[in-house]
Amino acid sequence: MSDKIITLPYFHGRAEDAYHIKEEISQLEGGVVAVDLPDGLGEEIIKAVEKLPRISVIADEMGRAIPITPNDPAIEAVRSSLE
């Protein structure tokens, strides 16, 4: 494993960024992918990602909706890292 750290900036909901994330993760050989997810919702998000392409919405404790869509770069990062 390399000591190299790669950061990938993105905008939520931007399909072009999701594509770029997918391409970068597919080129990783081993390693770890870290994704900033809402506190306490990691497992729920992973379960929803595993159901893609079916779109889901998760609500946090404050009632905010978190869409689980394949065009979101953070969701694509989770999906790609699970492959």
N, C-alpha and C. Protein backbone atom coordinates (compact mmCIF):
# COMPACT_ATOMS: atom_id res chain seq x y z
N MET A 1 0.84 -1.18 0.00
CA MET A 1 0.00 0.00 0.00
C MET A 1 0.89 1.24 0.00
N SER A 2 0.47 2.20 -0.75
CA SER A 2 1.22 3.44 -0.88
C SER A 2 0.90 4.40 0.26
N ASP A 3 1.83 5.30 0.55
CA ASP A 3 1.58 6.35 1.54
C ASP A 3 0.91 7.56 0.89
N LYS A 4 0.56 7.43 -0.35
CA LYS A 4 -0.02 8.53 -1.11
C LYS A 4 -1.46 8.79 -0.68
N ILE A 5 -1.80 10.07 -0.49
CA ILE A 5 -3.16 10.48 -0.15
C ILE A 5 -3.68 11.34 -1.30
N ILE A 6 -4.87 11.00 -1.76
CA ILE A 6 -5.50 11.74 -2.85
C ILE A 6 -6.79 12.34 -2.32
N THR A 7 -6.99 13.61 -2.53
CA THR A 7 -8.26 14.24 -2.17
C THR A 7 -8.99 14.61 -3.46
N LEU A 8 -10.28 14.41 -3.45
CA LEU A 8 -11.08 14.68 -4.64
C LEU A 8 -12.22 15.64 -4.28
N PRO A 9 -12.07 16.91 -4.63
CA PRO A 9 -13.14 17.87 -4.34
C PRO A 9 -14.33 17.62 -5.26
N TYR A 10 -15.53 17.97 -4.78
CA TYR A 10 -16.73 17.77 -5.58
C TYR A 10 -17.86 18.66 -5.07
N PHE A 11 -18.90 18.76 -5.89
CA PHE A 11 -20.14 19.43 -5.52
C PHE A 11 -21.23 18.38 -5.49
N HIS A 12 -22.03 18.36 -4.41
CA HIS A 12 -23.13 17.40 -4.31
C HIS A 12 -24.09 17.54 -5.48
N GLY A 13 -24.55 16.39 -5.97
CA GLY A 13 -25.54 16.36 -7.04
C GLY A 13 -24.99 16.62 -8.43
N ARG A 14 -23.71 16.76 -8.55
CA ARG A 14 -23.12 17.05 -9.86
C ARG A 14 -22.62 15.76 -10.51
N ALA A 15 -23.29 15.33 -11.56
CA ALA A 15 -23.00 14.04 -12.20
C ALA A 15 -21.57 13.98 -12.74
N GLU A 16 -21.05 15.10 -13.24
CA GLU A 16 -19.68 15.11 -13.76
C GLU A 16 -18.68 14.78 -12.66
N ASP A 17 -18.92 15.29 -11.47
CA ASP A 17 -18.03 15.00 -10.34
C ASP A 17 -18.17 13.54 -9.92
N ALA A 18 -19.40 13.01 -9.95
CA ALA A 18 -19.61 11.60 -9.61
C ALA A 18 -18.83 10.70 -10.57
N TYR A 19 -18.85 11.03 -11.85
CA TYR A 19 -18.10 10.26 -12.85
C TYR A 19 -16.61 10.31 -12.55
N HIS A 20 -16.10 11.50 -12.24
CA HIS A 20 -14.68 11.67 -11.93
C HIS A 20 -14.29 10.84 -10.69
N ILE A 21 -15.13 10.87 -9.67
CA ILE A 21 -14.88 10.08 -8.45
C ILE A 21 -14.82 8.60 -8.80
N LYS A 22 -15.79 8.13 -9.59
CA LYS A 22 -15.83 6.71 -9.99
C LYS A 22 -14.55 6.32 -10.72
N GLU A 23 -14.12 7.15 -11.65
CA GLU A 23 -12.89 6.86 -12.41
C GLU A 23 -11.66 6.81 -11.50
N GLU A 24 -11.53 7.75 -10.61
CA GLU A 24 -10.38 7.78 -9.70
C GLU A 24 -10.36 6.56 -8.77
N ILE A 25 -11.51 6.21 -8.21
CA ILE A 25 -11.56 5.07 -7.29
C ILE A 25 -11.28 3.77 -8.04
N SER A 26 -11.74 3.67 -9.28
CA SER A 26 -11.51 2.44 -10.06
C SER A 26 -10.02 2.22 -10.34
N GLN A 27 -9.22 3.27 -10.28
CA GLN A 27 -7.79 3.16 -10.53
C GLN A 27 -6.98 2.84 -9.27
N LEU A 28 -7.62 2.88 -8.12
CA LEU A 28 -6.92 2.57 -6.87
C LEU A 28 -6.60 1.08 -6.81
N GLU A 29 -5.45 0.78 -6.32
CA GLU A 29 -5.05 -0.62 -6.11
C GLU A 29 -4.97 -0.83 -4.61
N GLY A 30 -6.03 -1.38 -4.05
CA GLY A 30 -6.07 -1.51 -2.59
C GLY A 30 -6.35 -0.14 -2.00
N GLY A 31 -5.92 0.06 -0.80
CA GLY A 31 -6.09 1.36 -0.19
C GLY A 31 -7.41 1.53 0.52
N VAL A 32 -7.65 2.72 0.97
CA VAL A 32 -8.82 3.05 1.76
C VAL A 32 -9.50 4.25 1.14
N VAL A 33 -10.83 4.23 1.15
CA VAL A 33 -11.60 5.38 0.68
C VAL A 33 -12.33 5.96 1.89
N ALA A 34 -12.13 7.24 2.14
CA ALA A 34 -12.81 7.92 3.24
C ALA A 34 -13.83 8.89 2.65
N VAL A 35 -15.06 8.80 3.14
CA VAL A 35 -16.14 9.66 2.65
C VAL A 35 -16.78 10.33 3.85
N ASP A 36 -16.94 11.63 3.77
CA ASP A 36 -17.58 12.40 4.84
C ASP A 36 -19.09 12.21 4.75
N LEU A 37 -19.65 11.44 5.70
CA LEU A 37 -21.08 11.16 5.74
C LEU A 37 -21.69 11.82 6.97
N PRO A 38 -22.99 12.11 6.93
CA PRO A 38 -23.64 12.69 8.11
C PRO A 38 -23.46 11.79 9.33
N ASP A 39 -23.21 12.38 10.46
CA ASP A 39 -22.94 11.66 11.70
C ASP A 39 -24.06 10.66 12.03
N GLY A 40 -23.66 9.42 12.26
CA GLY A 40 -24.59 8.38 12.70
C GLY A 40 -25.42 7.75 11.59
N LEU A 41 -25.23 8.16 10.35
CA LEU A 41 -26.04 7.62 9.26
C LEU A 41 -25.26 6.73 8.30
N GLY A 42 -24.01 6.45 8.63
CA GLY A 42 -23.17 5.66 7.73
C GLY A 42 -23.76 4.34 7.32
N GLU A 43 -24.25 3.56 8.29
CA GLU A 43 -24.80 2.24 7.97
C GLU A 43 -26.06 2.35 7.13
N GLU A 44 -26.92 3.31 7.44
CA GLU A 44 -28.15 3.51 6.66
C GLU A 44 -27.82 3.91 5.23
N ILE A 45 -26.82 4.76 5.08
CA ILE A 45 -26.42 5.20 3.74
C ILE A 45 -25.85 4.03 2.96
N ILE A 46 -25.02 3.21 3.58
CA ILE A 46 -24.47 2.05 2.89
C ILE A 46 -25.59 1.10 2.44
N LYS A 47 -26.56 0.84 3.30
CA LYS A 47 -27.69 -0.03 2.93
C LYS A 47 -28.45 0.55 1.74
N ALA A 48 -28.67 1.86 1.75
CA ALA A 48 -29.37 2.50 0.63
C ALA A 48 -28.55 2.46 -0.64
N VAL A 49 -27.24 2.64 -0.52
CA VAL A 49 -26.35 2.59 -1.69
C VAL A 49 -26.38 1.20 -2.30
N GLU A 50 -26.45 0.18 -1.49
CA GLU A 50 -26.49 -1.19 -2.00
C GLU A 50 -27.77 -1.47 -2.78
N LYS A 51 -28.81 -0.64 -2.62
CA LYS A 51 -30.07 -0.80 -3.34
C LYS A 51 -30.10 -0.04 -4.66
N LEU A 52 -29.06 0.78 -4.92
CA LEU A 52 -29.03 1.52 -6.18
C LEU A 52 -29.08 0.54 -7.35
N PRO A 53 -29.74 0.85 -8.44
CA PRO A 53 -30.15 2.17 -8.89
C PRO A 53 -31.47 2.67 -8.29
N ARG A 54 -32.07 1.89 -7.41
CA ARG A 54 -33.28 2.38 -6.73
C ARG A 54 -32.90 3.59 -5.86
N ILE A 55 -33.55 4.71 -6.08
CA ILE A 55 -33.24 5.94 -5.35
C ILE A 55 -33.95 5.92 -4.00
N SER A 56 -33.23 6.35 -2.96
CA SER A 56 -33.77 6.39 -1.60
C SER A 56 -33.58 7.78 -1.02
N VAL A 57 -34.29 8.04 0.06
CA VAL A 57 -34.10 9.28 0.83
C VAL A 57 -34.02 8.88 2.29
N ILE A 58 -33.01 9.37 2.97
CA ILE A 58 -32.81 9.11 4.39
C ILE A 58 -33.00 10.44 5.11
N ALA A 59 -33.69 10.42 6.24
CA ALA A 59 -33.87 11.64 7.03
C ALA A 59 -32.97 11.55 8.27
N ASP A 60 -32.27 12.65 8.55
CA ASP A 60 -31.45 12.68 9.76
C ASP A 60 -32.31 13.09 10.95
N GLU A 61 -31.69 13.17 12.13
CA GLU A 61 -32.43 13.47 13.37
C GLU A 61 -33.05 14.87 13.36
N MET A 62 -32.58 15.74 12.48
CA MET A 62 -33.14 17.09 12.39
C MET A 62 -34.21 17.17 11.30
N GLY A 63 -34.52 16.03 10.68
CA GLY A 63 -35.54 15.99 9.65
C GLY A 63 -35.07 16.41 8.27
N ARG A 64 -33.77 16.57 8.10
CA ARG A 64 -33.25 16.94 6.78
C ARG A 64 -33.20 15.69 5.91
N ALA A 65 -33.55 15.85 4.65
CA ALA A 65 -33.56 14.74 3.71
C ALA A 65 -32.19 14.59 3.06
N ILE A 66 -31.72 13.36 2.98
CA ILE A 66 -30.45 13.05 2.33
C ILE A 66 -30.77 12.11 1.17
N PRO A 67 -30.77 12.63 -0.06
CA PRO A 67 -31.08 11.76 -1.20
C PRO A 67 -29.92 10.83 -1.53
N ILE A 68 -30.25 9.59 -1.79
CA ILE A 68 -29.24 8.59 -2.18
C ILE A 68 -29.44 8.34 -3.66
N THR A 69 -28.69 9.09 -4.46
CA THR A 69 -28.82 9.03 -5.91
C THR A 69 -27.46 8.75 -6.54
N PRO A 70 -27.45 8.05 -7.68
CA PRO A 70 -26.17 7.70 -8.30
C PRO A 70 -25.41 8.89 -8.89
N ASN A 71 -26.07 10.05 -9.03
CA ASN A 71 -25.36 11.20 -9.59
C ASN A 71 -24.68 12.06 -8.53
N ASP A 72 -24.75 11.66 -7.26
CA ASP A 72 -24.07 12.42 -6.21
C ASP A 72 -22.67 11.85 -5.99
N PRO A 73 -21.65 12.69 -6.04
CA PRO A 73 -20.28 12.20 -5.91
C PRO A 73 -19.99 11.46 -4.61
N ALA A 74 -20.52 11.92 -3.48
CA ALA A 74 -20.27 11.21 -2.20
C ALA A 74 -20.91 9.84 -2.23
N ILE A 75 -22.10 9.73 -2.79
CA ILE A 75 -22.79 8.44 -2.89
C ILE A 75 -22.03 7.55 -3.86
N GLU A 76 -21.55 8.10 -4.96
CA GLU A 76 -20.76 7.32 -5.91
C GLU A 76 -19.46 6.83 -5.28
N ALA A 77 -18.86 7.63 -4.43
CA ALA A 77 -17.64 7.21 -3.73
C ALA A 77 -17.94 6.00 -2.84
N VAL A 78 -19.05 6.05 -2.13
CA VAL A 78 -19.43 4.91 -1.29
C VAL A 78 -19.69 3.69 -2.17
N ARG A 79 -20.48 3.87 -3.24
CA ARG A 79 -20.81 2.75 -4.12
C ARG A 79 -19.57 2.13 -4.75
N SER A 80 -18.69 2.97 -5.27
CA SER A 80 -17.47 2.47 -5.92
C SER A 80 -16.56 1.77 -4.94
N SER A 81 -16.49 2.26 -3.72
CA SER A 81 -15.60 1.63 -2.73
C SER A 81 -16.14 0.28 -2.26
N LEU A 82 -17.45 0.06 -2.41
CA LEU A 82 -18.03 -1.22 -2.02
C LEU A 82 -17.85 -2.30 -3.08
N GLU A 83 -17.51 -1.90 -4.31
CA GLU A 83 -17.35 -2.88 -5.39
C GLU A 83 -16.11 -3.72 -5.21
